[in-house]
PDB file of all heavy atoms in Angstrom:
ATOM      1  N   GLU A   1       0.813  -1.202  -0.040  1.00  0.00           N
ATOM      2  CA  GLU A   1       0.030  -0.042   0.051  1.00  0.00           C
ATOM      3  C   GLU A   1       0.823   1.235   0.001  1.00  0.00           C
ATOM      4  O   GLU A   1       0.352   2.387  -0.416  1.00  0.00           O
ATOM      5  CB  GLU A   1      -0.904   0.056   1.225  1.00  0.00           C
ATOM      6  CG  GLU A   1      -0.300   0.079   2.554  1.00  0.00           C
ATOM      7  CD  GLU A   1       0.228  -1.275   3.040  1.00  0.00           C
ATOM      8  OE1 GLU A   1       0.015  -2.245   2.319  1.00  0.00           O
ATOM      9  OE2 GLU A   1       0.728  -1.327   4.185  1.00  0.00           O
ATOM     10  N   ALA A   2       2.124   1.084   0.400  1.00  0.00           N
ATOM     11  CA  ALA A   2       2.987   2.333   0.376  1.00  0.00           C
ATOM     12  C   ALA A   2       3.594   2.614  -0.981  1.00  0.00           C
ATOM     13  O   ALA A   2       4.315   3.656  -1.153  1.00  0.00           O
ATOM     14  CB  ALA A   2       4.137   2.125   1.451  1.00  0.00           C
ATOM     15  N   VAL A   3       3.449   1.727  -1.898  1.00  0.00           N
ATOM     16  CA  VAL A   3       4.072   1.820  -3.248  1.00  0.00           C
ATOM     17  C   VAL A   3       3.129   2.829  -4.115  1.00  0.00           C
ATOM     18  O   VAL A   3       1.955   2.578  -4.310  1.00  0.00           O
ATOM     19  CB  VAL A   3       4.240   0.535  -3.984  1.00  0.00           C
ATOM     20  CG1 VAL A   3       4.747   0.735  -5.406  1.00  0.00           C
ATOM     21  CG2 VAL A   3       5.145  -0.326  -3.182  1.00  0.00           C
ATOM     22  N   SER A   4       3.745   3.885  -4.591  1.00  0.00           N
ATOM     23  CA  SER A   4       3.016   4.831  -5.503  1.00  0.00           C
ATOM     24  C   SER A   4       4.006   5.445  -6.376  1.00  0.00           C
ATOM     25  O   SER A   4       5.254   5.223  -6.185  1.00  0.00           O
ATOM     26  CB  SER A   4       2.257   5.902  -4.650  1.00  0.00           C
ATOM     27  OG  SER A   4       3.318   6.742  -4.090  1.00  0.00           O
ATOM     28  N   MET A   5       3.597   6.065  -7.466  1.00  0.00           N
ATOM     29  CA  MET A   5       4.496   6.724  -8.379  1.00  0.00           C
ATOM     30  C   MET A   5       5.389   7.775  -7.556  1.00  0.00           C
ATOM     31  O   MET A   5       6.589   7.883  -7.768  1.00  0.00           O
ATOM     32  CB  MET A   5       3.813   7.388  -9.521  1.00  0.00           C
ATOM     33  CG  MET A   5       2.913   6.486 -10.303  1.00  0.00           C
ATOM     34  SD  MET A   5       3.827   5.209 -11.292  1.00  0.00           S
ATOM     35  CE  MET A   5       4.300   6.273 -12.704  1.00  0.00           C
ATOM     36  N   ARG A   6       4.754   8.478  -6.663  1.00  0.00           N
ATOM     37  CA  ARG A   6       5.442   9.484  -5.875  1.00  0.00           C
ATOM     38  C   ARG A   6       6.556   8.866  -4.958  1.00  0.00           C
ATOM     39  O   ARG A   6       7.559   9.326  -4.840  1.00  0.00           O
ATOM     40  CB  ARG A   6       4.419  10.331  -5.074  1.00  0.00           C
ATOM     41  CG  ARG A   6       5.107  11.518  -4.389  1.00  0.00           C
ATOM     42  CD  ARG A   6       4.037  12.357  -3.598  1.00  0.00           C
ATOM     43  NE  ARG A   6       3.014  12.911  -4.487  1.00  0.00           N
ATOM     44  CZ  ARG A   6       3.177  13.962  -5.074  1.00  0.00           C
ATOM     45  NH1 ARG A   6       4.374  14.729  -4.927  1.00  0.00           N
ATOM     46  NH2 ARG A   6       2.296  14.502  -5.859  1.00  0.00           N
ATOM     47  N   SER A   7       6.070   7.837  -4.227  1.00  0.00           N
ATOM     48  CA  SER A   7       7.029   7.261  -3.259  1.00  0.00           C
ATOM     49  C   SER A   7       8.276   6.649  -3.968  1.00  0.00           C
ATOM     50  O   SER A   7       9.383   6.683  -3.572  1.00  0.00           O
ATOM     51  CB  SER A   7       6.383   6.173  -2.387  1.00  0.00           C
ATOM     52  OG  SER A   7       5.948   5.074  -3.178  1.00  0.00           O
ATOM     53  N   VAL A   8       7.992   6.029  -5.162  1.00  0.00           N
ATOM     54  CA  VAL A   8       9.087   5.449  -5.931  1.00  0.00           C
ATOM     55  C   VAL A   8      10.018   6.586  -6.444  1.00  0.00           C
ATOM     56  O   VAL A   8      11.254   6.430  -6.359  1.00  0.00           O
ATOM     57  CB  VAL A   8       8.583   4.596  -7.070  1.00  0.00           C
ATOM     58  CG1 VAL A   8       9.676   4.133  -8.004  1.00  0.00           C
ATOM     59  CG2 VAL A   8       7.853   3.376  -6.549  1.00  0.00           C
ATOM     60  N   ALA A   9       9.387   7.556  -7.023  1.00  0.00           N
ATOM     61  CA  ALA A   9      10.190   8.772  -7.458  1.00  0.00           C
ATOM     62  C   ALA A   9      11.074   9.385  -6.288  1.00  0.00           C
ATOM     63  O   ALA A   9      12.265   9.692  -6.503  1.00  0.00           O
ATOM     64  CB  ALA A   9       9.310   9.836  -8.066  1.00  0.00           C
ATOM     65  N   THR A  10      10.474   9.470  -5.171  1.00  0.00           N
ATOM     66  CA  THR A  10      11.276   9.992  -3.989  1.00  0.00           C
ATOM     67  C   THR A  10      12.430   9.073  -3.634  1.00  0.00           C
ATOM     68  O   THR A  10      13.472   9.542  -3.315  1.00  0.00           O
ATOM     69  CB  THR A  10      10.382  10.153  -2.783  1.00  0.00           C
ATOM     70  OG1 THR A  10       9.283  11.067  -3.093  1.00  0.00           O
ATOM     71  CG2 THR A  10      11.077  10.642  -1.534  1.00  0.00           C
ATOM     72  N   ARG A  11      12.107   7.810  -3.640  1.00  0.00           N
ATOM     73  CA  ARG A  11      13.166   6.778  -3.396  1.00  0.00           C
ATOM     74  C   ARG A  11      14.295   6.918  -4.343  1.00  0.00           C
ATOM     75  O   ARG A  11      15.497   6.834  -4.019  1.00  0.00           O
ATOM     76  CB  ARG A  11      12.553   5.357  -3.492  1.00  0.00           C
ATOM     77  CG  ARG A  11      13.566   4.277  -3.316  1.00  0.00           C
ATOM     78  CD  ARG A  11      13.927   4.044  -1.899  1.00  0.00           C
ATOM     79  NE  ARG A  11      15.082   3.174  -1.771  1.00  0.00           N
ATOM     80  CZ  ARG A  11      15.641   2.863  -0.584  1.00  0.00           C
ATOM     81  NH1 ARG A  11      15.027   3.292   0.534  1.00  0.00           N
ATOM     82  NH2 ARG A  11      16.659   2.089  -0.517  1.00  0.00           N
ATOM     83  N   LEU A  12      14.016   7.197  -5.613  1.00  0.00           N
ATOM     84  CA  LEU A  12      15.035   7.230  -6.697  1.00  0.00           C
ATOM     85  C   LEU A  12      15.644   8.762  -6.863  1.00  0.00           C
ATOM     86  O   LEU A  12      16.535   8.889  -7.471  1.00  0.00           O
ATOM     87  CB  LEU A  12      14.419   6.932  -8.039  1.00  0.00           C
ATOM     88  CG  LEU A  12      14.135   5.452  -8.100  1.00  0.00           C
ATOM     89  CD1 LEU A  12      13.282   5.207  -9.355  1.00  0.00           C
ATOM     90  CD2 LEU A  12      15.344   4.554  -8.184  1.00  0.00           C
ATOM     91  N   GLY A  13      15.035   9.672  -6.062  1.00  0.00           N
ATOM     92  CA  GLY A  13      15.592  11.015  -6.095  1.00  0.00           C
ATOM     93  C   GLY A  13      15.231  11.745  -7.434  1.00  0.00           C
ATOM     94  O   GLY A  13      16.049  12.501  -7.933  1.00  0.00           O
ATOM     95  N   VAL A  14      14.114  11.391  -8.089  1.00  0.00           N
ATOM     96  CA  VAL A  14      13.663  11.995  -9.317  1.00  0.00           C
ATOM     97  C   VAL A  14      12.296  12.585  -9.205  1.00  0.00           C
ATOM     98  O   VAL A  14      11.656  12.355  -8.198  1.00  0.00           O
ATOM     99  CB  VAL A  14      13.786  10.943 -10.521  1.00  0.00           C
ATOM    100  CG1 VAL A  14      15.139  10.454 -10.571  1.00  0.00           C
ATOM    101  CG2 VAL A  14      12.715   9.826 -10.246  1.00  0.00           C
ATOM    102  N   GLU A  15      11.867  13.277 -10.204  1.00  0.00           N
ATOM    103  CA  GLU A  15      10.514  13.785 -10.326  1.00  0.00           C
ATOM    104  C   GLU A  15       9.578  12.492 -10.772  1.00  0.00           C
ATOM    105  O   GLU A  15       9.954  11.707 -11.531  1.00  0.00           O
ATOM    106  CB  GLU A  15      10.338  14.909 -11.317  1.00  0.00           C
ATOM    107  CG  GLU A  15      11.085  16.103 -10.921  1.00  0.00           C
ATOM    108  CD  GLU A  15      10.493  16.785  -9.638  1.00  0.00           C
ATOM    109  OE1 GLU A  15       9.330  16.642  -9.438  1.00  0.00           O
ATOM    110  OE2 GLU A  15      11.298  17.370  -8.889  1.00  0.00           O
ATOM    111  N   ALA A  16       8.317  12.543 -10.234  1.00  0.00           N
ATOM    112  CA  ALA A  16       7.445  11.456 -10.458  1.00  0.00           C
ATOM    113  C   ALA A  16       7.175  11.380 -12.013  1.00  0.00           C
ATOM    114  O   ALA A  16       7.028  10.266 -12.581  1.00  0.00           O
ATOM    115  CB  ALA A  16       6.089  11.624  -9.710  1.00  0.00           C
ATOM    116  N   MET A  17       7.126  12.450 -12.660  1.00  0.00           N
ATOM    117  CA  MET A  17       6.831  12.419 -14.118  1.00  0.00           C
ATOM    118  C   MET A  17       7.875  11.662 -14.907  1.00  0.00           C
ATOM    119  O   MET A  17       7.598  11.026 -15.983  1.00  0.00           O
ATOM    120  CB  MET A  17       6.795  13.868 -14.636  1.00  0.00           C
ATOM    121  CG  MET A  17       5.538  14.684 -14.258  1.00  0.00           C
ATOM    122  SD  MET A  17       3.990  13.859 -14.842  1.00  0.00           S
ATOM    123  CE  MET A  17       4.225  14.070 -16.621  1.00  0.00           C
ATOM    124  N   SER A  18       9.042  11.573 -14.464  1.00  0.00           N
ATOM    125  CA  SER A  18      10.199  10.891 -15.124  1.00  0.00           C
ATOM    126  C   SER A  18       9.916   9.332 -15.130  1.00  0.00           C
ATOM    127  O   SER A  18      10.499   8.687 -15.930  1.00  0.00           O
ATOM    128  CB  SER A  18      11.478  11.171 -14.558  1.00  0.00           C
ATOM    129  OG  SER A  18      11.597  10.704 -13.197  1.00  0.00           O
ATOM    130  N   LEU A  19       9.042   8.865 -14.246  1.00  0.00           N
ATOM    131  CA  LEU A  19       8.773   7.424 -14.242  1.00  0.00           C
ATOM    132  C   LEU A  19       7.922   6.979 -15.266  1.00  0.00           C
ATOM    133  O   LEU A  19       7.930   5.878 -15.660  1.00  0.00           O
ATOM    134  CB  LEU A  19       8.088   7.093 -12.871  1.00  0.00           C
ATOM    135  CG  LEU A  19       8.838   7.441 -11.598  1.00  0.00           C
ATOM    136  CD1 LEU A  19       8.128   6.788 -10.399  1.00  0.00           C
ATOM    137  CD2 LEU A  19      10.312   6.895 -11.594  1.00  0.00           C
ATOM    138  N   TYR A  20       7.146   7.926 -15.916  1.00  0.00           N
ATOM    139  CA  TYR A  20       6.099   7.529 -16.959  1.00  0.00           C
ATOM    140  C   TYR A  20       6.772   7.003 -18.208  1.00  0.00           C
ATOM    141  O   TYR A  20       5.979   6.336 -19.024  1.00  0.00           O
ATOM    142  CB  TYR A  20       5.166   8.671 -17.115  1.00  0.00           C
ATOM    143  CG  TYR A  20       4.273   8.930 -16.045  1.00  0.00           C
ATOM    144  CD1 TYR A  20       4.532   9.916 -14.979  1.00  0.00           C
ATOM    145  CD2 TYR A  20       3.040   8.197 -15.841  1.00  0.00           C
ATOM    146  CE1 TYR A  20       3.688  10.048 -13.940  1.00  0.00           C
ATOM    147  CE2 TYR A  20       2.161   8.312 -14.844  1.00  0.00           C
ATOM    148  CZ  TYR A  20       2.528   9.331 -13.893  1.00  0.00           C
ATOM    149  OH  TYR A  20       1.692   9.561 -12.805  1.00  0.00           O
ATOM    150  N   ASN A  21       8.029   7.277 -18.434  1.00  0.00           N
ATOM    151  CA  ASN A  21       8.666   6.657 -19.562  1.00  0.00           C
ATOM    152  C   ASN A  21       8.965   5.225 -19.411  1.00  0.00           C
ATOM    153  O   ASN A  21       9.235   4.497 -20.388  1.00  0.00           O
ATOM    154  CB  ASN A  21      10.056   7.357 -19.837  1.00  0.00           C
ATOM    155  CG  ASN A  21       9.900   8.844 -20.263  1.00  0.00           C
ATOM    156  OD1 ASN A  21       8.973   9.064 -20.954  1.00  0.00           O
ATOM    157  ND2 ASN A  21      10.787   9.648 -19.740  1.00  0.00           N
ATOM    158  N   HIS A  22       8.797   4.623 -18.087  1.00  0.00           N
ATOM    159  CA  HIS A  22       9.052   3.278 -17.871  1.00  0.00           C
ATOM    160  C   HIS A  22       7.897   2.517 -17.441  1.00  0.00           C
ATOM    161  O   HIS A  22       7.803   1.264 -17.553  1.00  0.00           O
ATOM    162  CB  HIS A  22      10.226   3.159 -16.810  1.00  0.00           C
ATOM    163  CG  HIS A  22      11.425   4.037 -17.162  1.00  0.00           C
ATOM    164  ND1 HIS A  22      12.354   3.609 -18.156  1.00  0.00           N
ATOM    165  CD2 HIS A  22      11.801   5.287 -16.896  1.00  0.00           C
ATOM    166  CE1 HIS A  22      13.243   4.552 -18.346  1.00  0.00           C
ATOM    167  NE2 HIS A  22      13.008   5.505 -17.546  1.00  0.00           N
ATOM    168  N   VAL A  23       6.931   3.131 -16.707  1.00  0.00           N
ATOM    169  CA  VAL A  23       5.758   2.498 -16.294  1.00  0.00           C
ATOM    170  C   VAL A  23       4.591   3.578 -16.459  1.00  0.00           C
ATOM    171  O   VAL A  23       4.761   4.722 -16.109  1.00  0.00           O
ATOM    172  CB  VAL A  23       5.719   2.061 -14.737  1.00  0.00           C
ATOM    173  CG1 VAL A  23       6.641   0.924 -14.523  1.00  0.00           C
ATOM    174  CG2 VAL A  23       6.156   3.210 -13.816  1.00  0.00           C
ATOM    175  N   ALA A  24       3.463   3.090 -17.066  1.00  0.00           N
ATOM    176  CA  ALA A  24       2.434   4.018 -17.590  1.00  0.00           C
ATOM    177  C   ALA A  24       1.698   4.616 -16.461  1.00  0.00           C
ATOM    178  O   ALA A  24       1.245   5.798 -16.598  1.00  0.00           O
ATOM    179  CB  ALA A  24       1.525   3.304 -18.499  1.00  0.00           C
ATOM    180  N   ASN A  25       1.490   3.908 -15.332  1.00  0.00           N
ATOM    181  CA  ASN A  25       0.629   4.463 -14.217  1.00  0.00           C
ATOM    182  C   ASN A  25       0.925   3.505 -13.013  1.00  0.00           C
ATOM    183  O   ASN A  25       1.727   2.593 -13.094  1.00  0.00           O
ATOM    184  CB  ASN A  25      -0.843   4.476 -14.610  1.00  0.00           C
ATOM    185  CG  ASN A  25      -1.324   3.174 -15.252  1.00  0.00           C
ATOM    186  OD1 ASN A  25      -0.894   2.081 -14.849  1.00  0.00           O
ATOM    187  ND2 ASN A  25      -2.066   3.270 -16.300  1.00  0.00           N
ATOM    188  N   LYS A  26       0.154   3.770 -11.938  1.00  0.00           N
ATOM    189  CA  LYS A  26       0.381   2.956 -10.745  1.00  0.00           C
ATOM    190  C   LYS A  26      -0.012   1.439 -11.026  1.00  0.00           C
ATOM    191  O   LYS A  26       0.692   0.504 -10.516  1.00  0.00           O
ATOM    192  CB  LYS A  26      -0.488   3.405  -9.581  1.00  0.00           C
ATOM    193  CG  LYS A  26      -0.329   2.696  -8.269  1.00  0.00           C
ATOM    194  CD  LYS A  26      -1.024   3.165  -7.161  1.00  0.00           C
ATOM    195  CE  LYS A  26      -0.808   2.371  -5.807  1.00  0.00           C
ATOM    196  NZ  LYS A  26      -1.484   2.894  -4.643  1.00  0.00           N
ATOM    197  N   LYS A  27      -1.027   1.165 -11.803  1.00  0.00           N
ATOM    198  CA  LYS A  27      -1.379  -0.211 -12.068  1.00  0.00           C
ATOM    199  C   LYS A  27      -0.220  -0.926 -12.766  1.00  0.00           C
ATOM    200  O   LYS A  27       0.116  -2.045 -12.465  1.00  0.00           O
ATOM    201  CB  LYS A  27      -2.625  -0.279 -12.932  1.00  0.00           C
ATOM    202  CG  LYS A  27      -3.063  -1.696 -13.260  1.00  0.00           C
ATOM    203  CD  LYS A  27      -4.337  -1.736 -14.160  1.00  0.00           C
ATOM    204  CE  LYS A  27      -4.721  -3.135 -14.519  1.00  0.00           C
ATOM    205  NZ  LYS A  27      -3.573  -3.921 -15.083  1.00  0.00           N
ATOM    206  N   ALA A  28       0.317  -0.223 -13.810  1.00  0.00           N
ATOM    207  CA  ALA A  28       1.497  -0.803 -14.473  1.00  0.00           C
ATOM    208  C   ALA A  28       2.701  -1.016 -13.529  1.00  0.00           C
ATOM    209  O   ALA A  28       3.451  -1.988 -13.632  1.00  0.00           O
ATOM    210  CB  ALA A  28       1.906   0.057 -15.579  1.00  0.00           C
ATOM    211  N   LEU A  29       2.812  -0.126 -12.628  1.00  0.00           N
ATOM    212  CA  LEU A  29       3.860  -0.215 -11.580  1.00  0.00           C
ATOM    213  C   LEU A  29       3.671  -1.479 -10.732  1.00  0.00           C
ATOM    214  O   LEU A  29       4.656  -2.296 -10.535  1.00  0.00           O
ATOM    215  CB  LEU A  29       3.973   1.005 -10.710  1.00  0.00           C
ATOM    216  CG  LEU A  29       4.920   1.011  -9.519  1.00  0.00           C
ATOM    217  CD1 LEU A  29       6.380   0.940 -10.066  1.00  0.00           C
ATOM    218  CD2 LEU A  29       4.763   2.272  -8.666  1.00  0.00           C
ATOM    219  N   LEU A  30       2.445  -1.685 -10.341  1.00  0.00           N
ATOM    220  CA  LEU A  30       2.215  -2.889  -9.433  1.00  0.00           C
ATOM    221  C   LEU A  30       2.220  -4.169 -10.284  1.00  0.00           C
ATOM    222  O   LEU A  30       2.686  -5.165  -9.789  1.00  0.00           O
ATOM    223  CB  LEU A  30       0.886  -2.742  -8.786  1.00  0.00           C
ATOM    224  CG  LEU A  30       0.778  -1.626  -7.744  1.00  0.00           C
ATOM    225  CD1 LEU A  30      -0.634  -1.480  -7.110  1.00  0.00           C
ATOM    226  CD2 LEU A  30       1.787  -1.894  -6.637  1.00  0.00           C
ATOM    227  N   ASP A  31       1.813  -4.144 -11.512  1.00  0.00           N
ATOM    228  CA  ASP A  31       1.856  -5.306 -12.342  1.00  0.00           C
ATOM    229  C   ASP A  31       3.360  -5.702 -12.601  1.00  0.00           C
ATOM    230  O   ASP A  31       3.723  -6.865 -12.598  1.00  0.00           O
ATOM    231  CB  ASP A  31       1.222  -4.996 -13.777  1.00  0.00           C
ATOM    232  CG  ASP A  31      -0.309  -4.974 -13.681  1.00  0.00           C
ATOM    233  OD1 ASP A  31      -0.851  -5.403 -12.659  1.00  0.00           O
ATOM    234  OD2 ASP A  31      -0.886  -4.475 -14.654  1.00  0.00           O
ATOM    235  N   GLY A  32       4.139  -4.616 -12.820  1.00  0.00           N
ATOM    236  CA  GLY A  32       5.648  -4.878 -12.983  1.00  0.00           C
ATOM    237  C   GLY A  32       6.229  -5.439 -11.679  1.00  0.00           C
ATOM    238  O   GLY A  32       7.115  -6.291 -11.730  1.00  0.00           O
ATOM    239  N   LEU A  33       5.824  -4.909 -10.639  1.00  0.00           N
ATOM    240  CA  LEU A  33       6.324  -5.416  -9.244  1.00  0.00           C
ATOM    241  C   LEU A  33       5.893  -6.850  -9.149  1.00  0.00           C
ATOM    242  O   LEU A  33       6.672  -7.676  -8.634  1.00  0.00           O
ATOM    243  CB  LEU A  33       5.726  -4.610  -8.140  1.00  0.00           C
ATOM    244  CG  LEU A  33       6.155  -4.943  -6.732  1.00  0.00           C
ATOM    245  CD1 LEU A  33       7.634  -4.928  -6.600  1.00  0.00           C
ATOM    246  CD2 LEU A  33       5.550  -4.020  -5.719  1.00  0.00           C
ATOM    247  N   PHE A  34       4.631  -7.270  -9.508  1.00  0.00           N
ATOM    248  CA  PHE A  34       4.217  -8.607  -9.444  1.00  0.00           C
ATOM    249  C   PHE A  34       5.077  -9.501 -10.275  1.00  0.00           C
ATOM    250  O   PHE A  34       5.650 -10.579  -9.879  1.00  0.00           O
ATOM    251  CB  PHE A  34       2.814  -8.702 -10.016  1.00  0.00           C
ATOM    252  CG  PHE A  34       2.265 -10.088 -10.092  1.00  0.00           C
ATOM    253  CD1 PHE A  34       1.482 -10.694  -9.134  1.00  0.00           C
ATOM    254  CD2 PHE A  34       2.513 -10.927 -11.238  1.00  0.00           C
ATOM    255  CE1 PHE A  34       0.964 -11.928  -9.254  1.00  0.00           C
ATOM    256  CE2 PHE A  34       1.970 -12.167 -11.405  1.00  0.00           C
ATOM    257  CZ  PHE A  34       1.229 -12.747 -10.331  1.00  0.00           C
ATOM    258  N   ASP A  35       5.481  -9.093 -11.521  1.00  0.00           N
ATOM    259  CA  ASP A  35       6.324  -9.854 -12.454  1.00  0.00           C
ATOM    260  C   ASP A  35       7.753 -10.025 -11.697  1.00  0.00           C
ATOM    261  O   ASP A  35       8.224 -11.110 -11.780  1.00  0.00           O
ATOM    262  CB  ASP A  35       6.510  -9.098 -13.741  1.00  0.00           C
ATOM    263  CG  ASP A  35       5.324  -9.030 -14.570  1.00  0.00           C
ATOM    264  OD1 ASP A  35       4.387  -9.882 -14.335  1.00  0.00           O
ATOM    265  OD2 ASP A  35       5.158  -8.167 -15.411  1.00  0.00           O
ATOM    266  N   LEU A  36       8.211  -8.997 -11.168  1.00  0.00           N
ATOM    267  CA  LEU A  36       9.524  -9.032 -10.468  1.00  0.00           C
ATOM    268  C   LEU A  36       9.602 -10.059  -9.318  1.00  0.00           C
ATOM    269  O   LEU A  36      10.430 -10.880  -9.218  1.00  0.00           O
ATOM    270  CB  LEU A  36       9.961  -7.687 -10.070  1.00  0.00           C
ATOM    271  CG  LEU A  36      11.261  -7.576  -9.248  1.00  0.00           C
ATOM    272  CD1 LEU A  36      12.469  -8.106 -10.224  1.00  0.00           C
ATOM    273  CD2 LEU A  36      11.488  -6.168  -8.734  1.00  0.00           C
ATOM    274  N   VAL A  37       8.412  -9.991  -8.549  1.00  0.00           N
ATOM    275  CA  VAL A  37       8.380 -10.892  -7.399  1.00  0.00           C
ATOM    276  C   VAL A  37       8.280 -12.318  -7.913  1.00  0.00           C
ATOM    277  O   VAL A  37       8.837 -13.278  -7.262  1.00  0.00           O
ATOM    278  CB  VAL A  37       7.136 -10.511  -6.562  1.00  0.00           C
ATOM    279  CG1 VAL A  37       6.862 -11.540  -5.467  1.00  0.00           C
ATOM    280  CG2 VAL A  37       7.407  -9.151  -5.852  1.00  0.00           C
ATOM    281  N   ILE A  38       7.483 -12.610  -8.897  1.00  0.00           N
ATOM    282  CA  ILE A  38       7.372 -13.991  -9.365  1.00  0.00           C
ATOM    283  C   ILE A  38       8.555 -14.508  -9.889  1.00  0.00           C
ATOM    284  O   ILE A  38       9.008 -15.608  -9.635  1.00  0.00           O
ATOM    285  CB  ILE A  38       6.220 -13.945 -10.484  1.00  0.00           C
ATOM    286  CG1 ILE A  38       4.850 -13.762  -9.892  1.00  0.00           C
ATOM    287  CG2 ILE A  38       6.304 -15.394 -11.219  1.00  0.00           C
ATOM    288  CD1 ILE A  38       4.408 -14.878  -8.859  1.00  0.00           C
ATOM    289  N   ARG A  39       9.398 -13.664 -10.624  1.00  0.00           N
ATOM    290  CA  ARG A  39      10.734 -14.106 -11.073  1.00  0.00           C
ATOM    291  C   ARG A  39      11.667 -14.445  -9.902  1.00  0.00           C
ATOM    292  O   ARG A  39      12.440 -15.342  -9.980  1.00  0.00           O
ATOM    293  CB  ARG A  39      11.311 -13.080 -11.961  1.00  0.00           C
ATOM    294  CG  ARG A  39      10.609 -12.911 -13.314  1.00  0.00           C
ATOM    295  CD  ARG A  39      11.483 -12.102 -14.351  1.00  0.00           C
ATOM    296  NE  ARG A  39      11.713 -10.819 -13.911  1.00  0.00           N
ATOM    297  CZ  ARG A  39      10.950  -9.695 -14.210  1.00  0.00           C
ATOM    298  NH1 ARG A  39       9.820  -9.885 -14.822  1.00  0.00           N
ATOM    299  NH2 ARG A  39      11.286  -8.527 -13.794  1.00  0.00           N
ATOM    300  N   THR A  40      11.498 -13.660  -8.836  1.00  0.00           N
ATOM    301  CA  THR A  40      12.310 -13.916  -7.644  1.00  0.00           C
ATOM    302  C   THR A  40      12.051 -15.266  -7.008  1.00  0.00           C
ATOM    303  O   THR A  40      12.944 -15.847  -6.420  1.00  0.00           O
ATOM    304  CB  THR A  40      12.010 -12.718  -6.615  1.00  0.00           C
ATOM    305  OG1 THR A  40      12.408 -11.481  -7.179  1.00  0.00           O
ATOM    306  CG2 THR A  40      12.887 -12.983  -5.320  1.00  0.00           C
ATOM    307  N   ALA A  41      10.857 -15.755  -7.215  1.00  0.00           N
ATOM    308  CA  ALA A  41      10.388 -17.005  -6.530  1.00  0.00           C
ATOM    309  C   ALA A  41      11.108 -18.221  -7.192  1.00  0.00           C
ATOM    310  O   ALA A  41      11.104 -19.325  -6.587  1.00  0.00           O
ATOM    311  CB  ALA A  41       8.878 -17.154  -6.597  1.00  0.00           C
ATOM    312  N   ASN A  42      11.615 -18.035  -8.422  1.00  0.00           N
ATOM    313  CA  ASN A  42      12.295 -19.199  -9.061  1.00  0.00           C
ATOM    314  C   ASN A  42      11.353 -20.396  -9.158  1.00  0.00           C
ATOM    315  O   ASN A  42      11.743 -21.491  -8.866  1.00  0.00           O
ATOM    316  CB  ASN A  42      13.584 -19.620  -8.374  1.00  0.00           C
ATOM    317  CG  ASN A  42      14.652 -18.478  -8.542  1.00  0.00           C
ATOM    318  OD1 ASN A  42      14.788 -17.971  -9.592  1.00  0.00           O
ATOM    319  ND2 ASN A  42      15.334 -18.189  -7.467  1.00  0.00           N
ATOM    320  N   LEU A  43      10.195 -20.210  -9.630  1.00  0.00           N
ATOM    321  CA  LEU A  43       9.220 -21.347  -9.862  1.00  0.00           C
ATOM    322  C   LEU A  43       9.679 -22.234 -10.950  1.00  0.00           C
ATOM    323  O   LEU A  43      10.499 -21.818 -11.765  1.00  0.00           O
ATOM    324  CB  LEU A  43       7.826 -20.767 -10.112  1.00  0.00           C
ATOM    325  CG  LEU A  43       7.171 -19.790  -9.128  1.00  0.00           C
ATOM    326  CD1 LEU A  43       5.793 -19.357  -9.537  1.00  0.00           C
ATOM    327  CD2 LEU A  43       7.134 -20.522  -7.726  1.00  0.00           C
ATOM    328  N   PRO A  44       9.254 -23.514 -10.955  1.00  0.00           N
ATOM    329  CA  PRO A  44       9.765 -24.431 -11.992  1.00  0.00           C
ATOM    330  C   PRO A  44       9.387 -23.941 -13.419  1.00  0.00           C
ATOM    331  O   PRO A  44       8.221 -23.483 -13.724  1.00  0.00           O
ATOM    332  CB  PRO A  44       9.059 -25.773 -11.683  1.00  0.00           C
ATOM    333  CG  PRO A  44       8.643 -25.599 -10.227  1.00  0.00           C
ATOM    334  CD  PRO A  44       8.378 -24.135  -9.971  1.00  0.00           C
TER     335      PRO A  44
END
């Protein structure tokens, strides 16, 4: 619930608008996070 475009931008030390070149919106951000987490699990 703490993940947002603004919180990620703050974490990276950039403006939130600069994230939109890489993730379209918050839903895309969470979808991408899901993908990253699943890859981390090393499922068969």
